Amino acid sequence: MKPRELISLLEKEGFVFVRQSGSHAIYRKAGFKLLLFRSTARIFLRVP
């Protein structure tokens, strides 16, 4: 999956872009914090 496709999927699921921080973007949704590394399309999800 390409990074742009992944971003579209996240937005459809209700994640909201917060900010770009270095090599990753930060998204939030109802207490969840998601870090998306755009160059590799890797995701780290922090659960409340």
N, C-alpha and C. Protein backbone atom coordinates (compact mmCIF):
# COMPACT_ATOMS: atom_id res chain seq x y z
N MET A 1 0.85 -1.18 0.00
CA MET A 1 0.00 0.00 0.00
C MET A 1 0.90 1.24 0.00
N LYS A 2 0.58 2.17 -0.85
CA LYS A 2 1.34 3.42 -0.94
C LYS A 2 0.94 4.36 0.21
N PRO A 3 1.88 5.21 0.64
CA PRO A 3 1.56 6.13 1.75
C PRO A 3 0.30 6.96 1.49
N ARG A 4 0.09 7.45 0.28
CA ARG A 4 -1.09 8.28 -0.01
C ARG A 4 -2.38 7.48 0.17
N GLU A 5 -2.36 6.19 -0.24
CA GLU A 5 -3.53 5.34 -0.06
C GLU A 5 -3.81 5.10 1.42
N LEU A 6 -2.74 4.95 2.19
CA LEU A 6 -2.87 4.74 3.62
C LEU A 6 -3.46 5.97 4.31
N ILE A 7 -3.02 7.14 3.91
CA ILE A 7 -3.55 8.39 4.46
C ILE A 7 -5.04 8.51 4.16
N SER A 8 -5.44 8.18 2.94
CA SER A 8 -6.86 8.23 2.57
C SER A 8 -7.67 7.28 3.43
N LEU A 9 -7.15 6.09 3.67
CA LEU A 9 -7.84 5.11 4.50
C LEU A 9 -7.99 5.61 5.94
N LEU A 10 -6.93 6.20 6.47
CA LEU A 10 -7.01 6.75 7.84
C LEU A 10 -8.07 7.83 7.95
N GLU A 11 -8.11 8.72 6.95
CA GLU A 11 -9.10 9.80 6.97
C GLU A 11 -10.52 9.26 6.87
N LYS A 12 -10.72 8.20 6.09
CA LYS A 12 -12.05 7.58 5.99
C LYS A 12 -12.47 6.97 7.32
N GLU A 13 -11.50 6.49 8.10
CA GLU A 13 -11.79 5.88 9.40
C GLU A 13 -11.94 6.90 10.52
N GLY A 14 -11.79 8.18 10.19
CA GLY A 14 -12.04 9.23 11.18
C GLY A 14 -10.80 9.79 11.87
N PHE A 15 -9.62 9.37 11.46
CA PHE A 15 -8.40 9.95 12.03
C PHE A 15 -8.19 11.34 11.45
N VAL A 16 -7.76 12.26 12.32
CA VAL A 16 -7.57 13.65 11.94
C VAL A 16 -6.08 13.99 12.00
N PHE A 17 -5.58 14.61 10.94
CA PHE A 17 -4.18 15.03 10.90
C PHE A 17 -3.95 16.11 11.93
N VAL A 18 -2.89 15.95 12.74
CA VAL A 18 -2.55 16.95 13.76
C VAL A 18 -1.38 17.80 13.30
N ARG A 19 -0.25 17.14 13.00
CA ARG A 19 0.92 17.90 12.55
C ARG A 19 1.96 16.97 11.93
N GLN A 20 2.85 17.57 11.19
CA GLN A 20 4.01 16.89 10.62
C GLN A 20 5.17 17.12 11.57
N SER A 21 5.85 16.07 11.95
CA SER A 21 6.96 16.20 12.88
C SER A 21 8.15 15.40 12.36
N GLY A 22 9.05 16.07 11.69
CA GLY A 22 10.22 15.38 11.14
C GLY A 22 9.82 14.42 10.04
N SER A 23 10.11 13.13 10.24
CA SER A 23 9.84 12.14 9.20
C SER A 23 8.48 11.48 9.34
N HIS A 24 7.70 11.89 10.33
CA HIS A 24 6.39 11.26 10.51
C HIS A 24 5.28 12.29 10.68
N ALA A 25 4.07 11.82 10.45
CA ALA A 25 2.88 12.64 10.64
C ALA A 25 2.11 12.08 11.83
N ILE A 26 1.43 12.95 12.53
CA ILE A 26 0.67 12.54 13.71
C ILE A 26 -0.82 12.72 13.43
N TYR A 27 -1.58 11.67 13.72
CA TYR A 27 -3.03 11.68 13.55
C TYR A 27 -3.66 11.30 14.89
N ARG A 28 -4.87 11.78 15.13
CA ARG A 28 -5.60 11.45 16.37
C ARG A 28 -7.03 11.06 16.06
N LYS A 29 -7.57 10.21 16.95
CA LYS A 29 -8.98 9.83 16.87
C LYS A 29 -9.40 9.31 18.24
N ALA A 30 -10.30 9.99 18.89
CA ALA A 30 -10.92 9.56 20.15
C ALA A 30 -9.93 8.96 21.14
N GLY A 31 -8.85 9.68 21.42
CA GLY A 31 -7.87 9.23 22.40
C GLY A 31 -6.73 8.41 21.82
N PHE A 32 -6.88 7.92 20.60
CA PHE A 32 -5.81 7.18 19.94
C PHE A 32 -4.83 8.15 19.31
N LYS A 33 -3.57 7.83 19.37
CA LYS A 33 -2.54 8.64 18.71
C LYS A 33 -1.82 7.73 17.73
N LEU A 34 -1.75 8.15 16.48
CA LEU A 34 -1.16 7.34 15.44
C LEU A 34 -0.01 8.10 14.80
N LEU A 35 1.14 7.46 14.71
CA LEU A 35 2.29 8.05 14.03
C LEU A 35 2.47 7.32 12.71
N LEU A 36 2.49 8.06 11.63
CA LEU A 36 2.65 7.48 10.30
C LEU A 36 3.97 7.94 9.71
N PHE A 37 4.86 6.99 9.46
CA PHE A 37 6.12 7.30 8.81
C PHE A 37 5.88 7.23 7.31
N ARG A 38 5.81 8.40 6.68
CA ARG A 38 5.41 8.49 5.28
C ARG A 38 6.35 7.79 4.31
N SER A 39 7.64 7.82 4.57
CA SER A 39 8.58 7.24 3.61
C SER A 39 8.47 5.72 3.53
N THR A 40 8.09 5.07 4.64
CA THR A 40 7.99 3.61 4.65
C THR A 40 6.57 3.11 4.84
N ALA A 41 5.62 4.00 5.09
CA ALA A 41 4.21 3.68 5.34
C ALA A 41 4.06 2.79 6.59
N ARG A 42 4.96 2.94 7.55
CA ARG A 42 4.84 2.22 8.82
C ARG A 42 3.99 3.01 9.78
N ILE A 43 3.27 2.29 10.61
CA ILE A 43 2.34 2.91 11.56
C ILE A 43 2.66 2.45 12.98
N PHE A 44 2.62 3.40 13.90
CA PHE A 44 2.68 3.10 15.32
C PHE A 44 1.42 3.70 15.93
N LEU A 45 0.69 2.89 16.68
CA LEU A 45 -0.58 3.33 17.27
C LEU A 45 -0.48 3.24 18.78
N ARG A 46 -0.75 4.36 19.45
CA ARG A 46 -0.81 4.38 20.92
C ARG A 46 -2.27 4.33 21.33
N VAL A 47 -2.57 3.38 22.18
CA VAL A 47 -3.94 3.18 22.65
C VAL A 47 -4.06 3.76 24.05
N PRO A 48 -5.15 4.48 24.33
CA PRO A 48 -5.30 5.09 25.66
C PRO A 48 -5.45 4.05 26.77
